[in-house]
Amino acid sequence: MILDFYNVPVWKSDAEQILLPKIQEELDTAYLNSTFSMKSGWGPTHYISEPDFCGSIIDPTMKFFPREIDRHLDMYLEAIQFKETNFYSLDLEHTIKSCWFSKFEKGNYAHVHDHGSSDISGVYYYKVPGKGSELFFRNPITQMSSSFIYEHLSTSVDVTPEVGTILLFPSWLQHGVKTNESDDTRVSVSFNIQFERT
């Protein structure tokens, strides 16, 4: 028997189908009201609506998208058994401290990065091209890549995007986006969640 220690919990699910048109409609409005630029110092990678990562596309008129994030966050916390720890309480507050569109035209990509000091990060797929532009996660146990025996287990894991898919993952987990090889634009909504400390 293999004891598979130190698994990284990544949540993958879809937005509730009955709410998907309403979520997309809210994001349509936000997308049309956003201006995009590339992050200074990153080179010609991809376009971002909040290149300083301090703002948020979520505004008080949005009801369905923030609620859907919260619904998946609740299921994620249940799945990783955080609710069974001494840190959890019913009045534990969290905020979506930043939220932005990432737009990938043909040839755009995202280099390997993490989301710093946030607790949980996530992505929602708003527009998806025909092929390519997969999100990939790096194995956080970097020492495996230098081992003759374990190197084959150290590869990155790809996630193929679909409209309405939501992913949640630890903010420290390094990830990137493969080059968009399609003529279609790929747009995702990234966000960072922070929990209050008592």
C-alpha atoms as a PDB file:
ATOM      1  CA  MET A   1       0.000   0.000   0.000  1.00  0.00           C
ATOM      2  CA  ILE A   2       1.262   3.498  -0.893  1.00  0.00           C
ATOM      3  CA  LEU A   3       0.689   6.162   1.735  1.00  0.00           C
ATOM      4  CA  ASP A   4       0.293   9.279  -0.384  1.00  0.00           C
ATOM      5  CA  PHE A   5       1.355  12.046   2.011  1.00  0.00           C
ATOM      6  CA  TYR A   6       1.066  15.794   1.502  1.00  0.00           C
ATOM      7  CA  ASN A   7      -1.599  15.957  -1.162  1.00  0.00           C
ATOM      8  CA  VAL A   8      -2.480  19.473  -2.334  1.00  0.00           C
ATOM      9  CA  PRO A   9      -6.240  20.101  -2.230  1.00  0.00           C
ATOM     10  CA  VAL A  10      -7.439  21.687  -5.485  1.00  0.00           C
ATOM     11  CA  TRP A  11     -11.209  22.158  -5.876  1.00  0.00           C
ATOM     12  CA  LYS A  12     -12.717  21.800  -9.363  1.00  0.00           C
ATOM     13  CA  SER A  13     -16.417  22.150  -9.968  1.00  0.00           C
ATOM     14  CA  ASP A  14     -18.905  23.930 -12.201  1.00  0.00           C
ATOM     15  CA  ALA A  15     -21.151  26.865 -11.539  1.00  0.00           C
ATOM     16  CA  GLU A  16     -24.740  25.877 -10.903  1.00  0.00           C
ATOM     17  CA  GLN A  17     -26.266  25.492 -14.376  1.00  0.00           C
ATOM     18  CA  ILE A  18     -29.434  27.403 -13.561  1.00  0.00           C
ATOM     19  CA  LEU A  19     -27.323  30.382 -12.428  1.00  0.00           C
ATOM     20  CA  LEU A  20     -24.725  30.246 -15.197  1.00  0.00           C
ATOM     21  CA  PRO A  21     -26.537  32.685 -17.565  1.00  0.00           C
ATOM     22  CA  LYS A  22     -26.946  35.210 -14.732  1.00  0.00           C
ATOM     23  CA  ILE A  23     -23.290  34.887 -13.701  1.00  0.00           C
ATOM     24  CA  GLN A  24     -22.171  35.302 -17.300  1.00  0.00           C
ATOM     25  CA  GLU A  25     -24.425  38.351 -17.675  1.00  0.00           C
ATOM     26  CA  GLU A  26     -22.908  40.001 -14.601  1.00  0.00           C
ATOM     27  CA  LEU A  27     -19.424  39.297 -15.929  1.00  0.00           C
ATOM     28  CA  ASP A  28     -20.409  40.576 -19.399  1.00  0.00           C
ATOM     29  CA  THR A  29     -21.136  43.979 -17.846  1.00  0.00           C
ATOM     30  CA  ALA A  30     -17.934  43.999 -15.797  1.00  0.00           C
ATOM     31  CA  TYR A  31     -15.891  42.902 -18.815  1.00  0.00           C
ATOM     32  CA  LEU A  32     -17.275  45.694 -21.010  1.00  0.00           C
ATOM     33  CA  ASN A  33     -16.478  48.225 -18.273  1.00  0.00           C
ATOM     34  CA  SER A  34     -12.896  46.994 -17.790  1.00  0.00           C
ATOM     35  CA  THR A  35      -9.738  48.347 -19.339  1.00  0.00           C
ATOM     36  CA  PHE A  36      -6.869  45.966 -19.939  1.00  0.00           C
ATOM     37  CA  SER A  37      -3.112  46.309 -19.925  1.00  0.00           C
ATOM     38  CA  MET A  38      -0.100  44.086 -19.466  1.00  0.00           C
ATOM     39  CA  LYS A  39       1.649  44.030 -16.116  1.00  0.00           C
ATOM     40  CA  SER A  40       4.745  46.176 -16.213  1.00  0.00           C
ATOM     41  CA  GLY A  41       7.895  44.099 -15.899  1.00  0.00           C
ATOM     42  CA  TRP A  42       6.289  40.838 -16.994  1.00  0.00           C
ATOM     43  CA  GLY A  43       6.830  41.276 -20.698  1.00  0.00           C
ATOM     44  CA  PRO A  44       4.159  40.503 -23.316  1.00  0.00           C
ATOM     45  CA  THR A  45       2.412  37.729 -21.388  1.00  0.00           C
ATOM     46  CA  HIS A  46      -1.321  38.557 -21.188  1.00  0.00           C
ATOM     47  CA  TYR A  47      -3.767  41.382 -20.456  1.00  0.00           C
ATOM     48  CA  ILE A  48      -5.078  42.118 -16.957  1.00  0.00           C
ATOM     49  CA  SER A  49      -7.946  44.340 -15.822  1.00  0.00           C
ATOM     50  CA  GLU A  50      -6.311  45.096 -12.440  1.00  0.00           C
ATOM     51  CA  PRO A  51      -2.546  45.019 -13.128  1.00  0.00           C
ATOM     52  CA  ASP A  52      -1.720  46.120  -9.558  1.00  0.00           C
ATOM     53  CA  PHE A  53      -3.924  43.298  -8.161  1.00  0.00           C
ATOM     54  CA  CYS A  54      -5.367  45.679  -5.560  1.00  0.00           C
ATOM     55  CA  GLY A  55      -8.797  46.308  -7.068  1.00  0.00           C
ATOM     56  CA  SER A  56     -11.764  44.136  -7.843  1.00  0.00           C
ATOM     57  CA  ILE A  57     -14.175  43.735 -10.718  1.00  0.00           C
ATOM     58  CA  ILE A  58     -16.840  42.737  -8.186  1.00  0.00           C
ATOM     59  CA  ASP A  59     -19.153  45.631  -7.432  1.00  0.00           C
ATOM     60  CA  PRO A  60     -22.253  45.973  -5.195  1.00  0.00           C
ATOM     61  CA  THR A  61     -24.623  45.314  -8.121  1.00  0.00           C
ATOM     62  CA  MET A  62     -23.277  41.774  -8.529  1.00  0.00           C
ATOM     63  CA  LYS A  63     -25.301  39.148  -6.712  1.00  0.00           C
ATOM     64  CA  PHE A  64     -24.807  35.834  -8.439  1.00  0.00           C
ATOM     65  CA  PHE A  65     -21.052  35.660  -9.068  1.00  0.00           C
ATOM     66  CA  PRO A  66     -19.915  36.459  -5.483  1.00  0.00           C
ATOM     67  CA  ARG A  67     -22.518  34.085  -4.058  1.00  0.00           C
ATOM     68  CA  GLU A  68     -21.322  31.304  -6.352  1.00  0.00           C
ATOM     69  CA  ILE A  69     -17.747  31.814  -5.170  1.00  0.00           C
ATOM     70  CA  ASP A  70     -18.939  31.635  -1.557  1.00  0.00           C
ATOM     71  CA  ARG A  71     -20.944  28.472  -2.264  1.00  0.00           C
ATOM     72  CA  HIS A  72     -17.894  26.706  -3.699  1.00  0.00           C
ATOM     73  CA  LEU A  73     -15.657  28.058  -0.941  1.00  0.00           C
ATOM     74  CA  ASP A  74     -17.985  26.538   1.661  1.00  0.00           C
ATOM     75  CA  MET A  75     -17.840  23.139  -0.075  1.00  0.00           C
ATOM     76  CA  TYR A  76     -14.055  23.387  -0.392  1.00  0.00           C
ATOM     77  CA  LEU A  77     -13.623  24.119   3.329  1.00  0.00           C
ATOM     78  CA  GLU A  78     -15.859  21.138   4.070  1.00  0.00           C
ATOM     79  CA  ALA A  79     -13.863  18.887   1.729  1.00  0.00           C
ATOM     80  CA  ILE A  80     -10.489  19.778   3.261  1.00  0.00           C
ATOM     81  CA  GLN A  81     -12.007  19.331   6.755  1.00  0.00           C
ATOM     82  CA  PHE A  82     -11.156  22.877   7.802  1.00  0.00           C
ATOM     83  CA  LYS A  83     -14.549  23.093   9.501  1.00  0.00           C
ATOM     84  CA  GLU A  84     -13.398  20.394  11.925  1.00  0.00           C
ATOM     85  CA  THR A  85     -10.426  22.430  13.143  1.00  0.00           C
ATOM     86  CA  ASN A  86     -10.225  24.779  16.112  1.00  0.00           C
ATOM     87  CA  PHE A  87      -9.705  27.689  13.722  1.00  0.00           C
ATOM     88  CA  TYR A  88     -13.167  27.418  12.193  1.00  0.00           C
ATOM     89  CA  SER A  89     -16.266  29.106  13.575  1.00  0.00           C
ATOM     90  CA  LEU A  90     -19.626  29.995  12.031  1.00  0.00           C
ATOM     91  CA  ASP A  91     -18.810  33.694  12.268  1.00  0.00           C
ATOM     92  CA  LEU A  92     -15.392  33.357  10.590  1.00  0.00           C
ATOM     93  CA  GLU A  93     -15.234  36.228   8.101  1.00  0.00           C
ATOM     94  CA  HIS A  94     -13.495  36.247   4.750  1.00  0.00           C
ATOM     95  CA  THR A  95     -13.109  38.782   1.984  1.00  0.00           C
ATOM     96  CA  ILE A  96     -12.372  38.548  -1.708  1.00  0.00           C
ATOM     97  CA  LYS A  97      -9.501  40.985  -1.435  1.00  0.00           C
ATOM     98  CA  SER A  98      -8.765  41.175  -5.159  1.00  0.00           C
ATOM     99  CA  CYS A  99     -10.487  40.003  -8.323  1.00  0.00           C
ATOM    100  CA  TRP A 100      -9.551  40.616 -11.938  1.00  0.00           C
ATOM    101  CA  PHE A 101     -10.010  39.494 -15.521  1.00  0.00           C
ATOM    102  CA  SER A 102      -7.089  37.827 -17.291  1.00  0.00           C
ATOM    103  CA  LYS A 103      -7.365  38.037 -21.063  1.00  0.00           C
ATOM    104  CA  PHE A 104      -5.301  35.818 -23.363  1.00  0.00           C
ATOM    105  CA  GLU A 105      -5.202  36.600 -27.063  1.00  0.00           C
ATOM    106  CA  LYS A 106      -3.470  34.241 -29.491  1.00  0.00           C
ATOM    107  CA  GLY A 107       0.137  33.760 -28.362  1.00  0.00           C
ATOM    108  CA  ASN A 108      -0.486  34.983 -24.785  1.00  0.00           C
ATOM    109  CA  TYR A 109       0.421  32.920 -21.727  1.00  0.00           C
ATOM    110  CA  ALA A 110       0.981  33.303 -17.974  1.00  0.00           C
ATOM    111  CA  HIS A 111       4.365  32.558 -16.467  1.00  0.00           C
ATOM    112  CA  VAL A 112       4.665  30.399 -13.349  1.00  0.00           C
ATOM    113  CA  HIS A 113       3.598  32.347 -10.270  1.00  0.00           C
ATOM    114  CA  ASP A 114       1.733  32.122  -6.985  1.00  0.00           C
ATOM    115  CA  HIS A 115      -0.618  34.484  -5.188  1.00  0.00           C
ATOM    116  CA  GLY A 116       1.541  35.419  -2.236  1.00  0.00           C
ATOM    117  CA  SER A 117       0.069  35.870   1.203  1.00  0.00           C
ATOM    118  CA  SER A 118      -3.601  35.181   0.429  1.00  0.00           C
ATOM    119  CA  ASP A 119      -5.210  32.094   1.947  1.00  0.00           C
ATOM    120  CA  ILE A 120      -7.113  30.668  -1.015  1.00  0.00           C
ATOM    121  CA  SER A 121      -6.988  31.661  -4.668  1.00  0.00           C
ATOM    122  CA  GLY A 122      -9.370  30.775  -7.401  1.00  0.00           C
ATOM    123  CA  VAL A 123     -10.285  31.100 -11.038  1.00  0.00           C
ATOM    124  CA  TYR A 124     -13.586  31.116 -12.905  1.00  0.00           C
ATOM    125  CA  TYR A 125     -13.610  30.462 -16.645  1.00  0.00           C
ATOM    126  CA  TYR A 126     -15.611  33.152 -18.440  1.00  0.00           C
ATOM    127  CA  LYS A 127     -14.572  32.638 -22.103  1.00  0.00           C
ATOM    128  CA  VAL A 128     -12.672  29.619 -23.338  1.00  0.00           C
ATOM    129  CA  PRO A 129     -10.980  29.117 -26.736  1.00  0.00           C
ATOM    130  CA  GLY A 130     -11.188  25.966 -28.794  1.00  0.00           C
ATOM    131  CA  LYS A 131      -7.832  24.519 -27.742  1.00  0.00           C
ATOM    132  CA  GLY A 132      -4.749  25.229 -25.709  1.00  0.00           C
ATOM    133  CA  SER A 133      -4.338  27.758 -22.923  1.00  0.00           C
ATOM    134  CA  GLU A 134      -4.607  25.145 -20.173  1.00  0.00           C
ATOM    135  CA  LEU A 135      -3.941  26.106 -16.591  1.00  0.00           C
ATOM    136  CA  PHE A 136      -1.120  24.053 -15.101  1.00  0.00           C
ATOM    137  CA  PHE A 137      -0.032  23.476 -11.512  1.00  0.00           C
ATOM    138  CA  ARG A 138       3.560  22.749 -10.547  1.00  0.00           C
ATOM    139  CA  ASN A 139       4.364  19.996  -8.114  1.00  0.00           C
ATOM    140  CA  PRO A 140       5.214  21.837  -4.855  1.00  0.00           C
ATOM    141  CA  ILE A 141       7.689  19.134  -3.816  1.00  0.00           C
ATOM    142  CA  THR A 142      10.475  20.509  -5.963  1.00  0.00           C
ATOM    143  CA  GLN A 143      13.066  17.984  -4.750  1.00  0.00           C
ATOM    144  CA  MET A 144      11.292  15.210  -6.675  1.00  0.00           C
ATOM    145  CA  SER A 145      12.532  16.595  -9.989  1.00  0.00           C
ATOM    146  CA  SER A 146      16.148  15.922  -9.000  1.00  0.00           C
ATOM    147  CA  SER A 147      15.537  12.255  -8.172  1.00  0.00           C
ATOM    148  CA  PHE A 148      16.138   9.437 -10.645  1.00  0.00           C
ATOM    149  CA  ILE A 149      13.349   7.379  -9.061  1.00  0.00           C
ATOM    150  CA  TYR A 150      10.719  10.096  -8.501  1.00  0.00           C
ATOM    151  CA  GLU A 151      11.353  12.546 -11.351  1.00  0.00           C
ATOM    152  CA  HIS A 152       8.431  11.119 -13.362  1.00  0.00           C
ATOM    153  CA  LEU A 153       6.086  12.061 -10.479  1.00  0.00           C
ATOM    154  CA  SER A 154       7.246  15.682 -10.409  1.00  0.00           C
ATOM    155  CA  THR A 155       5.540  16.825 -13.589  1.00  0.00           C
ATOM    156  CA  SER A 156       3.010  19.632 -13.777  1.00  0.00           C
ATOM    157  CA  VAL A 157      -0.706  18.867 -13.846  1.00  0.00           C
ATOM    158  CA  ASP A 158      -2.853  20.457 -16.574  1.00  0.00           C
ATOM    159  CA  VAL A 159      -6.466  21.535 -16.155  1.00  0.00           C
ATOM    160  CA  THR A 160      -8.430  22.067 -19.350  1.00  0.00           C
ATOM    161  CA  PRO A 161     -10.722  25.097 -18.976  1.00  0.00           C
ATOM    162  CA  GLU A 162     -14.449  25.059 -19.675  1.00  0.00           C
ATOM    163  CA  VAL A 163     -16.908  27.938 -19.371  1.00  0.00           C
ATOM    164  CA  GLY A 164     -18.381  27.986 -15.870  1.00  0.00           C
ATOM    165  CA  THR A 165     -15.669  25.904 -14.209  1.00  0.00           C
ATOM    166  CA  ILE A 166     -14.428  27.155 -10.829  1.00  0.00           C
ATOM    167  CA  LEU A 167     -11.098  26.147  -9.287  1.00  0.00           C
ATOM    168  CA  LEU A 168      -9.979  26.877  -5.728  1.00  0.00           C
ATOM    169  CA  PHE A 169      -6.465  26.150  -4.476  1.00  0.00           C
ATOM    170  CA  PRO A 170      -3.883  27.205  -1.875  1.00  0.00           C
ATOM    171  CA  SER A 171      -2.509  30.633  -2.808  1.00  0.00           C
ATOM    172  CA  TRP A 172       1.076  29.386  -2.421  1.00  0.00           C
ATOM    173  CA  LEU A 173       0.642  26.744  -5.122  1.00  0.00           C
ATOM    174  CA  GLN A 174       2.633  27.725  -8.209  1.00  0.00           C
ATOM    175  CA  HIS A 175       0.758  27.705 -11.485  1.00  0.00           C
ATOM    176  CA  GLY A 176       0.709  29.216 -14.956  1.00  0.00           C
ATOM    177  CA  VAL A 177      -1.235  29.218 -18.213  1.00  0.00           C
ATOM    178  CA  LYS A 178      -0.028  27.591 -21.411  1.00  0.00           C
ATOM    179  CA  THR A 179       0.089  29.603 -24.617  1.00  0.00           C
ATOM    180  CA  ASN A 180      -3.253  30.298 -26.249  1.00  0.00           C
ATOM    181  CA  GLU A 181      -2.858  28.700 -29.676  1.00  0.00           C
ATOM    182  CA  SER A 182      -6.406  29.525 -30.739  1.00  0.00           C
ATOM    183  CA  ASP A 183      -7.628  32.578 -32.643  1.00  0.00           C
ATOM    184  CA  ASP A 184     -10.276  32.945 -29.928  1.00  0.00           C
ATOM    185  CA  THR A 185      -9.791  35.020 -26.792  1.00  0.00           C
ATOM    186  CA  ARG A 186      -9.521  33.191 -23.460  1.00  0.00           C
ATOM    187  CA  VAL A 187     -10.813  35.151 -20.449  1.00  0.00           C
ATOM    188  CA  SER A 188     -10.765  33.986 -16.865  1.00  0.00           C
ATOM    189  CA  VAL A 189     -11.606  35.689 -13.583  1.00  0.00           C
ATOM    190  CA  SER A 190      -8.964  35.262 -10.887  1.00  0.00           C
ATOM    191  CA  PHE A 191      -9.501  36.088  -7.234  1.00  0.00           C
ATOM    192  CA  ASN A 192      -7.793  35.944  -3.852  1.00  0.00           C
ATOM    193  CA  ILE A 193      -9.575  35.161  -0.584  1.00  0.00           C
ATOM    194  CA  GLN A 194      -8.347  36.195   2.843  1.00  0.00           C
ATOM    195  CA  PHE A 195      -9.752  35.026   6.186  1.00  0.00           C
ATOM    196  CA  GLU A 196      -9.831  37.193   9.288  1.00  0.00           C
ATOM    197  CA  ARG A 197      -7.520  36.172  12.109  1.00  0.00           C
ATOM    198  CA  THR A 198      -8.889  36.432  15.636  1.00  0.00           C
END
